[in-house]
Amino acid sequence: MAMQLSPTLEAVRDILKNAGLKGMHVDDIAAAAVAANKNMGLPAQEFSRRIQAALAANLKLKTQRPTFARVAGKKKGQFKRGWYRLKVERTGSVLETIAPPETDRAYLGRAGEMAVISELLFWGYNASAMLVDSGIDVVASKAGKYFHLQVKTASEIGGRFQFTIKQGAFQQNHNSSTFYVFVLRKALASEFVIIPSSYVQALIAGGKIANGPTLSVAITVDDKRHKYLLNGSVDVGIYVGNFGGIIV
């Protein structure tokens, strides 16, 4: 709540608004008040004394923040006699980051594909989204080689990201040029885990991914230890952000 000022200090505040940190002497404030007809009918000298008394009282306030401040002198800790300025109000920094609302699955999936295409462009790939979803979402090319990417996007739930892959689509597109990009969407940022189809097949064969009509993949993230575990046991940290590994 703003402090209620006396008529004298209201006039002083209006005059000091344009003075900045330099401030003004009380006699100059009084002269400006006379010129602006804000001196309440008092002579400049008498109004100057009234200003001085009112400002001194304002600076001694204990229960409220003073509106005015003295002007610093040339030596540290000293002030120019009779000089005053408006106190600078410091606005607090915005500390809270507002997270985006929960995204519909259709938007989430499409956003993940666009994010992957953007990253591929940064890595020097030419990339485009497939208009028809037949198990491949993005086609990328670099140095005369073509690659197929299936993009899976999930939001974080307690440090865990859950994905599913249809077994039929996996088998249909399983070859050395196919990669699975798991987009880990956190509050305001995304991370990418790029795994070759051949490694997914190896995880299925080794029982790390249960073989069935739908392949279930869960990636848990331990930010403190920088650990990325697939289905609770397979460390996939080397695949995080490794778009360069596609062309190796």
C-alpha atoms as a PDB file:
ATOM      1  CA  MET A   1       0.000   0.000   0.000  1.00  0.00           C
ATOM      2  CA  ALA A   2       1.380   3.436  -1.017  1.00  0.00           C
ATOM      3  CA  MET A   3       2.264   5.856   1.767  1.00  0.00           C
ATOM      4  CA  GLN A   4      -0.044   8.864   2.242  1.00  0.00           C
ATOM      5  CA  LEU A   5       2.028  12.042   1.900  1.00  0.00           C
ATOM      6  CA  SER A   6       1.253  15.487   3.273  1.00  0.00           C
ATOM      7  CA  PRO A   7       0.420  18.250   0.744  1.00  0.00           C
ATOM      8  CA  THR A   8       3.949  19.634   1.205  1.00  0.00           C
ATOM      9  CA  LEU A   9       5.598  16.309   0.397  1.00  0.00           C
ATOM     10  CA  GLU A  10       3.191  15.698  -2.489  1.00  0.00           C
ATOM     11  CA  ALA A  11       4.465  18.919  -4.046  1.00  0.00           C
ATOM     12  CA  VAL A  12       8.082  17.916  -3.362  1.00  0.00           C
ATOM     13  CA  ARG A  13       7.564  14.505  -4.947  1.00  0.00           C
ATOM     14  CA  ASP A  14       6.086  16.024  -8.097  1.00  0.00           C
ATOM     15  CA  ILE A  15       9.074  18.357  -8.454  1.00  0.00           C
ATOM     16  CA  LEU A  16      11.701  15.690  -7.743  1.00  0.00           C
ATOM     17  CA  LYS A  17      10.285  13.215 -10.285  1.00  0.00           C
ATOM     18  CA  ASN A  18      12.461  14.684 -13.040  1.00  0.00           C
ATOM     19  CA  ALA A  19      15.532  15.272 -10.874  1.00  0.00           C
ATOM     20  CA  GLY A  20      16.663  11.635 -10.813  1.00  0.00           C
ATOM     21  CA  LEU A  21      19.514  10.580  -8.541  1.00  0.00           C
ATOM     22  CA  LYS A  22      21.053  14.041  -8.733  1.00  0.00           C
ATOM     23  CA  GLY A  23      18.228  15.471  -6.631  1.00  0.00           C
ATOM     24  CA  MET A  24      17.694  19.127  -5.722  1.00  0.00           C
ATOM     25  CA  HIS A  25      18.447  21.521  -2.885  1.00  0.00           C
ATOM     26  CA  VAL A  26      15.455  22.493  -0.713  1.00  0.00           C
ATOM     27  CA  ASP A  27      15.739  26.122  -1.842  1.00  0.00           C
ATOM     28  CA  ASP A  28      15.568  25.038  -5.490  1.00  0.00           C
ATOM     29  CA  ILE A  29      12.611  22.782  -4.715  1.00  0.00           C
ATOM     30  CA  ALA A  30      10.845  25.706  -3.034  1.00  0.00           C
ATOM     31  CA  ALA A  31      11.569  27.991  -6.008  1.00  0.00           C
ATOM     32  CA  ALA A  32      10.193  25.376  -8.404  1.00  0.00           C
ATOM     33  CA  ALA A  33       7.099  25.006  -6.197  1.00  0.00           C
ATOM     34  CA  VAL A  34       6.484  28.762  -6.341  1.00  0.00           C
ATOM     35  CA  ALA A  35       6.825  28.719 -10.140  1.00  0.00           C
ATOM     36  CA  ALA A  36       4.357  25.796 -10.391  1.00  0.00           C
ATOM     37  CA  ASN A  37       1.987  27.363  -7.844  1.00  0.00           C
ATOM     38  CA  LYS A  38       2.465  24.445  -5.477  1.00  0.00           C
ATOM     39  CA  ASN A  39       3.811  26.463  -2.551  1.00  0.00           C
ATOM     40  CA  MET A  40       0.432  26.749  -0.767  1.00  0.00           C
ATOM     41  CA  GLY A  41       0.638  30.541  -0.815  1.00  0.00           C
ATOM     42  CA  LEU A  42       3.858  30.685   1.223  1.00  0.00           C
ATOM     43  CA  PRO A  43       6.959  32.702   0.295  1.00  0.00           C
ATOM     44  CA  ALA A  44       9.797  30.628  -1.143  1.00  0.00           C
ATOM     45  CA  GLN A  45      12.006  30.983   1.941  1.00  0.00           C
ATOM     46  CA  GLU A  46       9.268  29.940   4.359  1.00  0.00           C
ATOM     47  CA  PHE A  47       8.207  27.054   2.097  1.00  0.00           C
ATOM     48  CA  SER A  48      11.833  25.924   1.937  1.00  0.00           C
ATOM     49  CA  ARG A  49      11.932  25.633   5.742  1.00  0.00           C
ATOM     50  CA  ARG A  50       8.660  23.683   5.707  1.00  0.00           C
ATOM     51  CA  ILE A  51      10.063  21.358   3.068  1.00  0.00           C
ATOM     52  CA  GLN A  52      13.204  20.807   5.135  1.00  0.00           C
ATOM     53  CA  ALA A  53      11.208  19.843   8.220  1.00  0.00           C
ATOM     54  CA  ALA A  54       8.842  17.550   6.303  1.00  0.00           C
ATOM     55  CA  LEU A  55      11.692  15.746   4.534  1.00  0.00           C
ATOM     56  CA  ALA A  56      13.620  15.272   7.775  1.00  0.00           C
ATOM     57  CA  ALA A  57      10.528  13.659   9.331  1.00  0.00           C
ATOM     58  CA  ASN A  58      10.038  11.400   6.311  1.00  0.00           C
ATOM     59  CA  LEU A  59      13.591  10.083   6.518  1.00  0.00           C
ATOM     60  CA  LYS A  60      13.079   9.130  10.196  1.00  0.00           C
ATOM     61  CA  LEU A  61      10.081   6.878   9.491  1.00  0.00           C
ATOM     62  CA  LYS A  62      10.320   3.468  11.179  1.00  0.00           C
ATOM     63  CA  THR A  63       7.023   1.767  10.362  1.00  0.00           C
ATOM     64  CA  GLN A  64       7.062   2.669   6.661  1.00  0.00           C
ATOM     65  CA  ARG A  65       9.709   3.024   3.987  1.00  0.00           C
ATOM     66  CA  PRO A  66      10.696   6.660   3.423  1.00  0.00           C
ATOM     67  CA  THR A  67       9.702   8.158   0.078  1.00  0.00           C
ATOM     68  CA  PHE A  68      12.768  10.390  -0.097  1.00  0.00           C
ATOM     69  CA  ALA A  69      16.519  10.041   0.405  1.00  0.00           C
ATOM     70  CA  ARG A  70      19.458  12.335   0.956  1.00  0.00           C
ATOM     71  CA  VAL A  71      21.914  12.923  -1.888  1.00  0.00           C
ATOM     72  CA  ALA A  72      25.385  11.424  -1.394  1.00  0.00           C
ATOM     73  CA  GLY A  73      28.349  13.782  -1.171  1.00  0.00           C
ATOM     74  CA  LYS A  74      31.797  13.454  -2.715  1.00  0.00           C
ATOM     75  CA  LYS A  75      33.210  11.535   0.257  1.00  0.00           C
ATOM     76  CA  LYS A  76      31.927   8.124   1.237  1.00  0.00           C
ATOM     77  CA  GLY A  77      29.361   8.222   4.031  1.00  0.00           C
ATOM     78  CA  GLN A  78      28.713  11.947   3.668  1.00  0.00           C
ATOM     79  CA  PHE A  79      25.660  13.730   2.259  1.00  0.00           C
ATOM     80  CA  LYS A  80      25.174  17.066   0.552  1.00  0.00           C
ATOM     81  CA  ARG A  81      23.538  19.441   2.976  1.00  0.00           C
ATOM     82  CA  GLY A  82      19.961  20.321   2.101  1.00  0.00           C
ATOM     83  CA  TRP A  83      19.884  18.077  -0.984  1.00  0.00           C
ATOM     84  CA  TYR A  84      17.200  15.417  -1.458  1.00  0.00           C
ATOM     85  CA  ARG A  85      15.949  12.983  -4.103  1.00  0.00           C
ATOM     86  CA  LEU A  86      13.203  10.428  -4.524  1.00  0.00           C
ATOM     87  CA  LYS A  87      14.033   6.998  -3.163  1.00  0.00           C
ATOM     88  CA  VAL A  88      14.531   4.411  -5.926  1.00  0.00           C
ATOM     89  CA  GLU A  89      11.957   1.628  -5.719  1.00  0.00           C
ATOM     90  CA  ARG A  90      13.558  -1.721  -6.500  1.00  0.00           C
ATOM     91  CA  THR A  91      11.260  -4.216  -8.145  1.00  0.00           C
ATOM     92  CA  GLY A  92      11.796  -7.854  -7.213  1.00  0.00           C
ATOM     93  CA  SER A  93      12.938 -10.344  -9.818  1.00  0.00           C
ATOM     94  CA  VAL A  94      10.463 -12.876 -11.096  1.00  0.00           C
ATOM     95  CA  LEU A  95      11.661 -16.142  -9.562  1.00  0.00           C
ATOM     96  CA  GLU A  96       8.831 -18.468 -10.434  1.00  0.00           C
ATOM     97  CA  THR A  97       8.928 -20.124 -13.839  1.00  0.00           C
ATOM     98  CA  ILE A  98       5.506 -20.878 -15.208  1.00  0.00           C
ATOM     99  CA  ALA A  99       5.398 -24.321 -16.787  1.00  0.00           C
ATOM    100  CA  PRO A 100       3.249 -24.856 -19.884  1.00  0.00           C
ATOM    101  CA  PRO A 101      -0.092 -26.600 -19.409  1.00  0.00           C
ATOM    102  CA  GLU A 102      -0.489 -30.344 -19.922  1.00  0.00           C
ATOM    103  CA  THR A 103      -0.350 -31.028 -23.648  1.00  0.00           C
ATOM    104  CA  ASP A 104      -2.786 -33.205 -25.582  1.00  0.00           C
ATOM    105  CA  ARG A 105      -1.139 -36.413 -26.873  1.00  0.00           C
ATOM    106  CA  ALA A 106      -1.648 -35.411 -30.507  1.00  0.00           C
ATOM    107  CA  TYR A 107       0.113 -32.095 -29.950  1.00  0.00           C
ATOM    108  CA  LEU A 108       2.835 -33.752 -27.864  1.00  0.00           C
ATOM    109  CA  GLY A 109       3.669 -36.270 -30.574  1.00  0.00           C
ATOM    110  CA  ARG A 110       3.765 -33.708 -33.344  1.00  0.00           C
ATOM    111  CA  ALA A 111       5.840 -31.320 -31.228  1.00  0.00           C
ATOM    112  CA  GLY A 112       8.333 -34.116 -30.594  1.00  0.00           C
ATOM    113  CA  GLU A 113       8.699 -34.774 -34.301  1.00  0.00           C
ATOM    114  CA  MET A 114       9.273 -31.060 -35.013  1.00  0.00           C
ATOM    115  CA  ALA A 115      11.848 -30.881 -32.213  1.00  0.00           C
ATOM    116  CA  VAL A 116      13.733 -33.845 -33.680  1.00  0.00           C
ATOM    117  CA  ILE A 117      13.700 -32.311 -37.176  1.00  0.00           C
ATOM    118  CA  SER A 118      15.044 -29.062 -35.711  1.00  0.00           C
ATOM    119  CA  GLU A 119      17.903 -30.904 -33.971  1.00  0.00           C
ATOM    120  CA  LEU A 120      18.724 -32.836 -37.141  1.00  0.00           C
ATOM    121  CA  LEU A 121      19.025 -29.565 -39.058  1.00  0.00           C
ATOM    122  CA  PHE A 122      21.410 -28.248 -36.394  1.00  0.00           C
ATOM    123  CA  TRP A 123      23.494 -31.396 -36.904  1.00  0.00           C
ATOM    124  CA  GLY A 124      23.663 -30.846 -40.657  1.00  0.00           C
ATOM    125  CA  TYR A 125      21.051 -33.380 -41.764  1.00  0.00           C
ATOM    126  CA  ASN A 126      18.391 -32.636 -44.338  1.00  0.00           C
ATOM    127  CA  ALA A 127      15.184 -33.834 -42.695  1.00  0.00           C
ATOM    128  CA  SER A 128      11.470 -33.971 -43.373  1.00  0.00           C
ATOM    129  CA  ALA A 129       8.380 -35.410 -41.724  1.00  0.00           C
ATOM    130  CA  MET A 130       6.445 -38.216 -43.361  1.00  0.00           C
ATOM    131  CA  LEU A 131       2.909 -37.202 -44.316  1.00  0.00           C
ATOM    132  CA  VAL A 132       1.575 -40.724 -43.736  1.00  0.00           C
ATOM    133  CA  ASP A 133       2.513 -42.595 -40.549  1.00  0.00           C
ATOM    134  CA  SER A 134       3.601 -46.106 -41.540  1.00  0.00           C
ATOM    135  CA  GLY A 135       5.999 -46.638 -38.659  1.00  0.00           C
ATOM    136  CA  ILE A 136       8.484 -43.999 -39.812  1.00  0.00           C
ATOM    137  CA  ASP A 137       8.014 -40.370 -38.747  1.00  0.00           C
ATOM    138  CA  VAL A 138      11.090 -38.602 -40.128  1.00  0.00           C
ATOM    139  CA  VAL A 139      13.437 -39.231 -43.033  1.00  0.00           C
ATOM    140  CA  ALA A 140      16.906 -37.682 -42.802  1.00  0.00           C
ATOM    141  CA  SER A 141      19.821 -37.574 -45.182  1.00  0.00           C
ATOM    142  CA  LYS A 142      23.468 -36.577 -44.927  1.00  0.00           C
ATOM    143  CA  ALA A 143      26.532 -37.236 -47.071  1.00  0.00           C
ATOM    144  CA  GLY A 144      24.406 -39.199 -49.550  1.00  0.00           C
ATOM    145  CA  LYS A 145      23.024 -41.566 -46.921  1.00  0.00           C
ATOM    146  CA  TYR A 146      19.368 -41.841 -45.863  1.00  0.00           C
ATOM    147  CA  PHE A 147      18.037 -42.713 -42.427  1.00  0.00           C
ATOM    148  CA  HIS A 148      14.584 -43.506 -41.046  1.00  0.00           C
ATOM    149  CA  LEU A 149      13.553 -42.281 -37.622  1.00  0.00           C
ATOM    150  CA  GLN A 150      10.615 -43.319 -35.482  1.00  0.00           C
ATOM    151  CA  VAL A 151       9.936 -40.551 -32.924  1.00  0.00           C
ATOM    152  CA  LYS A 152       8.372 -41.350 -29.561  1.00  0.00           C
ATOM    153  CA  THR A 153       7.548 -38.483 -27.193  1.00  0.00           C
ATOM    154  CA  ALA A 154       6.503 -38.642 -23.539  1.00  0.00           C
ATOM    155  CA  SER A 155       6.102 -36.173 -20.702  1.00  0.00           C
ATOM    156  CA  GLU A 156       7.847 -36.757 -17.392  1.00  0.00           C
ATOM    157  CA  ILE A 157       5.971 -38.429 -14.571  1.00  0.00           C
ATOM    158  CA  GLY A 158       8.122 -38.682 -11.456  1.00  0.00           C
ATOM    159  CA  GLY A 159      11.378 -38.834 -13.403  1.00  0.00           C
ATOM    160  CA  ARG A 160       9.987 -41.549 -15.665  1.00  0.00           C
ATOM    161  CA  PHE A 161       9.081 -41.470 -19.376  1.00  0.00           C
ATOM    162  CA  GLN A 162       6.875 -44.231 -20.774  1.00  0.00           C
ATOM    163  CA  PHE A 163       6.817 -45.263 -24.457  1.00  0.00           C
ATOM    164  CA  THR A 164       5.272 -48.031 -26.559  1.00  0.00           C
ATOM    165  CA  ILE A 165       6.249 -49.431 -29.965  1.00  0.00           C
ATOM    166  CA  LYS A 166       3.941 -51.607 -32.024  1.00  0.00           C
ATOM    167  CA  GLN A 167       5.623 -54.928 -32.733  1.00  0.00           C
ATOM    168  CA  GLY A 168       4.319 -55.013 -36.307  1.00  0.00           C
ATOM    169  CA  ALA A 169       5.695 -51.568 -37.143  1.00  0.00           C
ATOM    170  CA  PHE A 170       9.014 -52.464 -35.508  1.00  0.00           C
ATOM    171  CA  GLN A 171       9.439 -55.616 -37.570  1.00  0.00           C
ATOM    172  CA  GLN A 172       8.335 -53.917 -40.786  1.00  0.00           C
ATOM    173  CA  ASN A 173      10.935 -51.139 -40.480  1.00  0.00           C
ATOM    174  CA  HIS A 174      13.727 -53.002 -38.688  1.00  0.00           C
ATOM    175  CA  ASN A 175      17.016 -52.464 -40.552  1.00  0.00           C
ATOM    176  CA  SER A 176      20.407 -50.793 -40.117  1.00  0.00           C
ATOM    177  CA  SER A 177      19.161 -47.384 -41.257  1.00  0.00           C
ATOM    178  CA  THR A 178      16.296 -47.152 -38.731  1.00  0.00           C
ATOM    179  CA  PHE A 179      16.624 -45.335 -35.431  1.00  0.00           C
ATOM    180  CA  TYR A 180      14.259 -44.738 -32.514  1.00  0.00           C
ATOM    181  CA  VAL A 181      14.347 -41.238 -31.047  1.00  0.00           C
ATOM    182  CA  PHE A 182      12.794 -41.059 -27.593  1.00  0.00           C
ATOM    183  CA  VAL A 183      11.934 -37.452 -26.743  1.00  0.00           C
ATOM    184  CA  LEU A 184      11.998 -36.865 -22.991  1.00  0.00           C
ATOM    185  CA  ARG A 185       9.808 -33.814 -22.506  1.00  0.00           C
ATOM    186  CA  LYS A 186      10.446 -32.116 -19.174  1.00  0.00           C
ATOM    187  CA  ALA A 187       8.718 -28.952 -17.939  1.00  0.00           C
ATOM    188  CA  LEU A 188      10.420 -26.475 -20.285  1.00  0.00           C
ATOM    189  CA  ALA A 189      13.023 -28.519 -22.137  1.00  0.00           C
ATOM    190  CA  SER A 190      13.473 -31.741 -24.067  1.00  0.00           C
ATOM    191  CA  GLU A 191      16.191 -34.375 -24.182  1.00  0.00           C
ATOM    192  CA  PHE A 192      16.668 -36.945 -26.921  1.00  0.00           C
ATOM    193  CA  VAL A 193      17.716 -40.582 -26.649  1.00  0.00           C
ATOM    194  CA  ILE A 194      18.666 -41.923 -30.108  1.00  0.00           C
ATOM    195  CA  ILE A 195      18.814 -45.730 -30.207  1.00  0.00           C
ATOM    196  CA  PRO A 196      19.502 -47.854 -33.343  1.00  0.00           C
ATOM    197  CA  SER A 197      16.821 -50.362 -34.266  1.00  0.00           C
ATOM    198  CA  SER A 198      19.492 -53.087 -34.067  1.00  0.00           C
ATOM    199  CA  TYR A 199      20.078 -52.286 -30.370  1.00  0.00           C
ATOM    200  CA  VAL A 200      16.353 -52.377 -29.665  1.00  0.00           C
ATOM    201  CA  GLN A 201      16.298 -55.847 -31.254  1.00  0.00           C
ATOM    202  CA  ALA A 202      19.237 -56.892 -29.055  1.00  0.00           C
ATOM    203  CA  LEU A 203      17.390 -55.689 -25.941  1.00  0.00           C
ATOM    204  CA  ILE A 204      14.347 -57.724 -26.966  1.00  0.00           C
ATOM    205  CA  ALA A 205      16.506 -60.813 -27.524  1.00  0.00           C
ATOM    206  CA  GLY A 206      18.174 -60.298 -24.139  1.00  0.00           C
ATOM    207  CA  GLY A 207      14.859 -59.951 -22.322  1.00  0.00           C
ATOM    208  CA  LYS A 208      15.433 -56.302 -21.382  1.00  0.00           C
ATOM    209  CA  ILE A 209      12.377 -55.366 -23.462  1.00  0.00           C
ATOM    210  CA  ALA A 210       9.506 -57.828 -23.155  1.00  0.00           C
ATOM    211  CA  ASN A 211       8.601 -59.367 -26.507  1.00  0.00           C
ATOM    212  CA  GLY A 212       4.915 -59.021 -27.355  1.00  0.00           C
ATOM    213  CA  PRO A 213       2.370 -57.268 -29.598  1.00  0.00           C
ATOM    214  CA  THR A 214       3.428 -53.992 -27.992  1.00  0.00           C
ATOM    215  CA  LEU A 215       6.994 -53.237 -26.908  1.00  0.00           C
ATOM    216  CA  SER A 216       7.085 -51.249 -23.679  1.00  0.00           C
ATOM    217  CA  VAL A 217       9.995 -48.906 -23.017  1.00  0.00           C
ATOM    218  CA  ALA A 218      10.397 -46.835 -19.868  1.00  0.00           C
ATOM    219  CA  ILE A 219      13.314 -44.441 -19.431  1.00  0.00           C
ATOM    220  CA  THR A 220      14.046 -43.137 -15.952  1.00  0.00           C
ATOM    221  CA  VAL A 221      16.268 -40.124 -15.388  1.00  0.00           C
ATOM    222  CA  ASP A 222      18.376 -39.433 -12.311  1.00  0.00           C
ATOM    223  CA  ASP A 223      19.445 -35.815 -12.848  1.00  0.00           C
ATOM    224  CA  LYS A 224      21.755 -35.772  -9.822  1.00  0.00           C
ATOM    225  CA  ARG A 225      23.793 -38.752 -11.043  1.00  0.00           C
ATOM    226  CA  HIS A 226      23.202 -38.076 -14.748  1.00  0.00           C
ATOM    227  CA  LYS A 227      21.844 -41.600 -15.156  1.00  0.00           C
ATOM    228  CA  TYR A 228      19.468 -42.704 -17.911  1.00  0.00           C
ATOM    229  CA  LEU A 229      18.122 -46.210 -17.428  1.00  0.00           C
ATOM    230  CA  LEU A 230      15.930 -48.111 -19.899  1.00  0.00           C
ATOM    231  CA  ASN A 231      13.433 -50.434 -18.212  1.00  0.00           C
ATOM    232  CA  GLY A 232      15.244 -50.014 -14.927  1.00  0.00           C
ATOM    233  CA  SER A 233      18.502 -51.753 -15.820  1.00  0.00           C
ATOM    234  CA  VAL A 234      20.010 -50.722 -19.172  1.00  0.00           C
ATOM    235  CA  ASP A 235      22.217 -47.619 -19.079  1.00  0.00           C
ATOM    236  CA  VAL A 236      21.438 -45.621 -22.248  1.00  0.00           C
ATOM    237  CA  GLY A 237      23.384 -42.490 -21.261  1.00  0.00           C
ATOM    238  CA  ILE A 238      25.691 -42.804 -24.287  1.00  0.00           C
ATOM    239  CA  TYR A 239      22.693 -42.383 -26.587  1.00  0.00           C
ATOM    240  CA  VAL A 240      21.470 -39.106 -25.051  1.00  0.00           C
ATOM    241  CA  GLY A 241      21.697 -36.302 -27.613  1.00  0.00           C
ATOM    242  CA  ASN A 242      23.895 -38.429 -29.866  1.00  0.00           C
ATOM    243  CA  PHE A 243      22.522 -37.362 -33.250  1.00  0.00           C
ATOM    244  CA  GLY A 244      26.039 -37.658 -34.619  1.00  0.00           C
ATOM    245  CA  GLY A 245      25.872 -41.405 -33.977  1.00  0.00           C
ATOM    246  CA  ILE A 246      23.236 -41.839 -36.680  1.00  0.00           C
ATOM    247  CA  ILE A 247      25.719 -41.512 -39.522  1.00  0.00           C
ATOM    248  CA  VAL A 248      28.577 -43.446 -37.901  1.00  0.00           C
END
